[in-house]
């Protein structure tokens, strides 16, 4: 029988992974960011955001958004509700119509969160 080479006994296990080099996103922030991104992850909603931003004064009536997206008023209102709940637009009721405005800094906050937590950090 051939002699066996024995492995050395180690008292401390070797680390298999390197520690995080930068702060990571918290569970609460990740949940909120995912909700916002989910609201934005629809082509119609992105178009609605663009249309609202392009309107004079950055405000648009739901009645002005129906024709450009080619959807019914209830469907457009549903999409706008999703954007409102995500904190991307505000809604103001005037008579029978609702007017929507993009929340200042809301889209920038999303990109800043992504940039802060999803940027690869080089070893220093």
Protein backbone atom coordinates (compact mmCIF):
# COMPACT_ATOMS: atom_id res chain seq x y z
CA UNK A 1 0.00 0.00 0.00
CA UNK A 2 1.31 3.45 -0.89
CA UNK A 3 2.01 5.97 1.83
CA UNK A 4 -0.75 8.54 2.25
CA UNK A 5 -0.01 12.21 2.24
CA UNK A 6 -1.81 13.73 5.18
CA UNK A 7 -3.21 17.22 5.12
CA UNK A 8 -2.13 19.57 7.89
CA UNK A 9 -4.60 20.25 10.69
CA UNK A 10 -5.66 23.90 10.91
CA UNK A 11 -7.20 25.48 13.94
CA UNK A 12 -8.89 28.37 12.09
CA UNK A 13 -10.83 27.85 8.88
CA UNK A 14 -9.69 29.97 5.97
CA UNK A 15 -12.05 32.70 4.86
CA UNK A 16 -13.78 31.78 1.66
CA UNK A 17 -15.05 35.24 0.82
CA UNK A 18 -13.83 38.78 1.01
CA UNK A 19 -15.80 41.25 3.11
CA UNK A 20 -17.92 43.96 1.51
CA UNK A 21 -15.75 46.91 0.50
CA UNK A 22 -18.56 49.45 0.77
CA UNK A 23 -21.85 49.88 2.59
CA UNK A 24 -24.69 47.77 1.21
CA UNK A 25 -28.34 48.66 0.81
CA UNK A 26 -30.54 47.94 3.83
CA UNK A 27 -33.47 45.55 3.58
CA UNK A 28 -35.96 48.42 4.02
CA UNK A 29 -34.27 50.57 1.37
CA UNK A 30 -34.13 47.60 -1.00
CA UNK A 31 -37.85 46.97 -0.52
CA UNK A 32 -38.74 50.61 -1.17
CA UNK A 33 -36.43 50.85 -4.18
CA UNK A 34 -37.89 47.63 -5.62
CA UNK A 35 -41.42 49.05 -5.28
CA UNK A 36 -40.39 52.21 -7.08
CA UNK A 37 -38.59 50.32 -9.83
CA UNK A 38 -41.59 48.01 -10.23
CA UNK A 39 -43.80 51.05 -10.77
CA UNK A 40 -41.34 52.35 -13.36
CA UNK A 41 -40.87 48.97 -15.05
CA UNK A 42 -43.80 49.44 -17.38
CA UNK A 43 -43.50 51.14 -20.78
CA UNK A 44 -46.82 52.97 -20.37
CA UNK A 45 -45.81 54.36 -16.99
CA UNK A 46 -42.48 55.53 -18.34
CA UNK A 47 -44.33 57.27 -21.18
CA UNK A 48 -46.71 58.87 -18.69
CA UNK A 49 -43.78 60.20 -16.65
CA UNK A 50 -42.25 61.59 -19.83
CA UNK A 51 -45.53 63.18 -20.93
CA UNK A 52 -46.09 64.81 -17.55
CA UNK A 53 -42.54 66.17 -17.47
CA UNK A 54 -42.94 67.53 -21.02
CA UNK A 55 -46.16 69.42 -20.28
CA UNK A 56 -45.93 73.12 -19.58
CA UNK A 57 -45.24 73.62 -15.90
CA UNK A 58 -44.54 69.90 -15.48
CA UNK A 59 -48.21 69.24 -14.77
CA UNK A 60 -50.71 67.28 -16.85
CA UNK A 61 -54.40 66.49 -16.61
CA UNK A 62 -55.32 62.83 -16.97
CA UNK A 63 -57.53 63.99 -19.86
CA UNK A 64 -54.37 65.12 -21.71
CA UNK A 65 -52.62 61.78 -21.22
CA UNK A 66 -55.27 59.42 -22.60
CA UNK A 67 -54.83 60.06 -26.31
CA UNK A 68 -51.00 60.04 -26.43
CA UNK A 69 -50.78 56.60 -24.80
CA UNK A 70 -53.81 55.22 -26.65
CA UNK A 71 -55.47 53.72 -23.59
CA UNK A 72 -58.80 54.21 -21.87
CA UNK A 73 -59.17 56.75 -19.06
CA UNK A 74 -59.60 54.04 -16.38
CA UNK A 75 -56.43 52.28 -17.55
CA UNK A 76 -54.43 55.51 -17.60
CA UNK A 77 -55.78 56.36 -14.13
CA UNK A 78 -54.69 52.92 -12.89
CA UNK A 79 -51.14 53.50 -14.16
CA UNK A 80 -51.08 56.97 -12.61
CA UNK A 81 -52.23 55.50 -9.29
CA UNK A 82 -49.27 53.11 -9.36
CA UNK A 83 -46.91 56.04 -9.99
CA UNK A 84 -48.56 58.03 -7.19
CA UNK A 85 -48.27 55.16 -4.70
CA UNK A 86 -44.60 54.78 -5.62
CA UNK A 87 -44.02 58.44 -4.75
CA UNK A 88 -43.11 59.45 -8.30
CA UNK A 89 -46.05 61.77 -9.00
CA UNK A 90 -48.55 63.77 -6.97
CA UNK A 91 -52.25 63.99 -7.73
CA UNK A 92 -54.49 67.03 -7.34
CA UNK A 93 -58.22 66.77 -7.99
CA UNK A 94 -59.80 69.78 -9.75
CA UNK A 95 -63.45 69.37 -10.56
CA UNK A 96 -63.95 66.10 -12.39
CA UNK A 97 -60.32 65.76 -13.52
CA UNK A 98 -57.10 64.89 -11.73
CA UNK A 99 -53.84 66.68 -12.45
CA UNK A 100 -50.47 65.04 -11.98
CA UNK A 101 -47.03 66.48 -11.29
CA UNK A 102 -43.72 64.64 -11.01
CA UNK A 103 -42.37 64.76 -7.46
CA UNK A 104 -39.22 66.91 -7.57
CA UNK A 105 -36.14 64.76 -7.09
CA UNK A 106 -38.01 61.43 -7.06
CA UNK A 107 -36.39 60.05 -10.21
CA UNK A 108 -33.00 61.45 -9.19
CA UNK A 109 -33.31 59.68 -5.83
CA UNK A 110 -33.80 56.35 -7.62
CA UNK A 111 -30.69 56.83 -9.75
CA UNK A 112 -28.67 57.97 -6.72
CA UNK A 113 -29.71 54.88 -4.74
CA UNK A 114 -28.76 52.64 -7.63
CA UNK A 115 -25.44 54.40 -8.13
CA UNK A 116 -24.58 54.35 -4.44
CA UNK A 117 -25.32 50.69 -3.90
CA UNK A 118 -24.68 49.01 -7.23
CA UNK A 119 -21.35 50.53 -8.19
CA UNK A 120 -18.46 48.07 -8.21
CA UNK A 121 -15.78 49.28 -5.81
CA UNK A 122 -12.18 48.63 -6.84
CA UNK A 123 -9.73 47.30 -4.30
CA UNK A 124 -7.83 50.12 -2.64
